[in-house]
Amino acid sequence: MNPFLDAGRAHSALLGAVFVTAVLLLSACTGTGRFSAAAICERSGGDYVGHTCEHHWTPMELAAQQWCETHGGVYLQGNGCEFGEGGP
């Protein structure tokens, strides 16, 4: 195991993460330099109506949600199906 090689990989991964984060943040900016909730919502596939982002569910997401809930889970968009978390 070469510590210098591992450090180089970690540095590259960190730089990649910073770059991706910067691109995502800048893609949501408007021409005034402010962040736009409407722009963020629309770029993620939703509609911004009445200060609320309405997500459009894909057929795959709907099927996953239905399967999860029929098996006693709670479907969290982007995180999948969660079982046995919290409750009475």
C-alpha atoms as a PDB file:
ATOM      1  CA  MET A   1       0.000   0.000   0.000  1.00  0.00           C
ATOM      2  CA  ASN A   2       1.481   3.300  -1.079  1.00  0.00           C
ATOM      3  CA  PRO A   3       0.372   6.235   1.145  1.00  0.00           C
ATOM      4  CA  PHE A   4       1.300   8.777  -1.538  1.00  0.00           C
ATOM      5  CA  LEU A   5      -0.865   7.044  -4.129  1.00  0.00           C
ATOM      6  CA  ASP A   6      -3.804   6.852  -1.696  1.00  0.00           C
ATOM      7  CA  ALA A   7      -3.416  10.540  -0.825  1.00  0.00           C
ATOM      8  CA  GLY A   8      -3.433  11.417  -4.529  1.00  0.00           C
ATOM      9  CA  ARG A   9      -6.646   9.489  -5.073  1.00  0.00           C
ATOM     10  CA  ALA A  10      -8.299  11.162  -2.089  1.00  0.00           C
ATOM     11  CA  HIS A  11      -7.190  14.573  -3.367  1.00  0.00           C
ATOM     12  CA  SER A  12      -8.586  13.829  -6.840  1.00  0.00           C
ATOM     13  CA  ALA A  13     -11.880  12.647  -5.387  1.00  0.00           C
ATOM     14  CA  LEU A  14     -12.142  15.782  -3.259  1.00  0.00           C
ATOM     15  CA  LEU A  15     -11.438  18.043  -6.213  1.00  0.00           C
ATOM     16  CA  GLY A  16     -14.043  16.185  -8.269  1.00  0.00           C
ATOM     17  CA  ALA A  17     -16.639  16.598  -5.528  1.00  0.00           C
ATOM     18  CA  VAL A  18     -15.893  20.315  -5.202  1.00  0.00           C
ATOM     19  CA  PHE A  19     -16.164  20.766  -8.971  1.00  0.00           C
ATOM     20  CA  VAL A  20     -19.499  18.936  -9.196  1.00  0.00           C
ATOM     21  CA  THR A  21     -20.878  20.931  -6.265  1.00  0.00           C
ATOM     22  CA  ALA A  22     -19.798  24.207  -7.837  1.00  0.00           C
ATOM     23  CA  VAL A  23     -21.369  23.312 -11.184  1.00  0.00           C
ATOM     24  CA  LEU A  24     -24.660  22.343  -9.532  1.00  0.00           C
ATOM     25  CA  LEU A  25     -24.751  25.514  -7.455  1.00  0.00           C
ATOM     26  CA  LEU A  26     -23.924  27.750 -10.393  1.00  0.00           C
ATOM     27  CA  SER A  27     -26.465  26.056 -12.650  1.00  0.00           C
ATOM     28  CA  ALA A  28     -29.225  27.195 -10.292  1.00  0.00           C
ATOM     29  CA  CYS A  29     -28.171  30.851 -10.355  1.00  0.00           C
ATOM     30  CA  THR A  30     -30.036  33.491 -12.259  1.00  0.00           C
ATOM     31  CA  GLY A  31     -28.400  36.359 -14.101  1.00  0.00           C
ATOM     32  CA  THR A  32     -28.552  38.492 -10.953  1.00  0.00           C
ATOM     33  CA  GLY A  33     -26.340  36.091  -9.008  1.00  0.00           C
ATOM     34  CA  ARG A  34     -29.158  35.034  -6.702  1.00  0.00           C
ATOM     35  CA  PHE A  35     -30.379  31.485  -6.365  1.00  0.00           C
ATOM     36  CA  SER A  36     -33.728  30.808  -7.933  1.00  0.00           C
ATOM     37  CA  ALA A  37     -36.013  28.225  -6.343  1.00  0.00           C
ATOM     38  CA  ALA A  38     -37.927  28.054  -9.633  1.00  0.00           C
ATOM     39  CA  ALA A  39     -34.728  27.316 -11.599  1.00  0.00           C
ATOM     40  CA  ILE A  40     -33.655  24.600  -9.154  1.00  0.00           C
ATOM     41  CA  CYS A  41     -37.122  23.034  -9.262  1.00  0.00           C
ATOM     42  CA  GLU A  42     -37.393  23.084 -13.046  1.00  0.00           C
ATOM     43  CA  ARG A  43     -33.908  21.645 -13.522  1.00  0.00           C
ATOM     44  CA  SER A  44     -34.831  18.743 -11.260  1.00  0.00           C
ATOM     45  CA  GLY A  45     -37.889  17.948 -13.371  1.00  0.00           C
ATOM     46  CA  GLY A  46     -40.617  19.720 -11.425  1.00  0.00           C
ATOM     47  CA  ASP A  47     -42.918  22.714 -11.815  1.00  0.00           C
ATOM     48  CA  TYR A  48     -42.615  25.700  -9.486  1.00  0.00           C
ATOM     49  CA  VAL A  49     -46.159  26.837  -8.691  1.00  0.00           C
ATOM     50  CA  GLY A  50     -47.234  29.046  -5.781  1.00  0.00           C
ATOM     51  CA  HIS A  51     -43.825  28.960  -4.070  1.00  0.00           C
ATOM     52  CA  THR A  52     -43.915  25.145  -4.101  1.00  0.00           C
ATOM     53  CA  CYS A  53     -41.956  22.690  -6.217  1.00  0.00           C
ATOM     54  CA  GLU A  54     -44.215  19.965  -7.575  1.00  0.00           C
ATOM     55  CA  HIS A  55     -42.218  16.876  -8.528  1.00  0.00           C
ATOM     56  CA  HIS A  56     -43.404  14.812 -11.487  1.00  0.00           C
ATOM     57  CA  TRP A  57     -43.206  11.123 -10.556  1.00  0.00           C
ATOM     58  CA  THR A  58     -41.905   8.749 -13.185  1.00  0.00           C
ATOM     59  CA  PRO A  59     -43.623   5.385 -13.687  1.00  0.00           C
ATOM     60  CA  MET A  60     -40.575   3.694 -12.088  1.00  0.00           C
ATOM     61  CA  GLU A  61     -40.773   5.917  -8.997  1.00  0.00           C
ATOM     62  CA  LEU A  62     -44.509   5.287  -8.652  1.00  0.00           C
ATOM     63  CA  ALA A  63     -44.000   1.523  -8.910  1.00  0.00           C
ATOM     64  CA  ALA A  64     -41.205   1.636  -6.316  1.00  0.00           C
ATOM     65  CA  GLN A  65     -43.340   3.729  -3.962  1.00  0.00           C
ATOM     66  CA  GLN A  66     -46.320   1.385  -4.327  1.00  0.00           C
ATOM     67  CA  TRP A  67     -44.185  -1.724  -3.731  1.00  0.00           C
ATOM     68  CA  CYS A  68     -42.560  -0.147  -0.673  1.00  0.00           C
ATOM     69  CA  GLU A  69     -45.819   0.927   0.923  1.00  0.00           C
ATOM     70  CA  THR A  70     -47.561  -2.403   0.284  1.00  0.00           C
ATOM     71  CA  HIS A  71     -44.687  -4.122   2.113  1.00  0.00           C
ATOM     72  CA  GLY A  72     -44.910  -1.877   5.191  1.00  0.00           C
ATOM     73  CA  GLY A  73     -42.225   0.625   4.324  1.00  0.00           C
ATOM     74  CA  VAL A  74     -42.069   4.357   3.767  1.00  0.00           C
ATOM     75  CA  TYR A  75     -40.786   5.495   0.374  1.00  0.00           C
ATOM     76  CA  LEU A  76     -38.378   8.412   0.570  1.00  0.00           C
ATOM     77  CA  GLN A  77     -37.648   9.884  -2.829  1.00  0.00           C
ATOM     78  CA  GLY A  78     -33.955   9.560  -3.575  1.00  0.00           C
ATOM     79  CA  ASN A  79     -33.329   7.380  -0.514  1.00  0.00           C
ATOM     80  CA  GLY A  80     -35.469   4.392  -1.388  1.00  0.00           C
ATOM     81  CA  CYS A  81     -37.663   2.339   0.912  1.00  0.00           C
ATOM     82  CA  GLU A  82     -37.181   2.540   4.684  1.00  0.00           C
ATOM     83  CA  PHE A  83     -38.464  -0.102   7.097  1.00  0.00           C
ATOM     84  CA  GLY A  84     -38.844   0.034  10.869  1.00  0.00           C
ATOM     85  CA  GLU A  85     -37.713   3.599  11.428  1.00  0.00           C
ATOM     86  CA  GLY A  86     -39.547   5.443  14.225  1.00  0.00           C
ATOM     87  CA  GLY A  87     -43.229   5.053  14.955  1.00  0.00           C
ATOM     88  CA  PRO A  88     -45.069   4.029  18.121  1.00  0.00           C
END
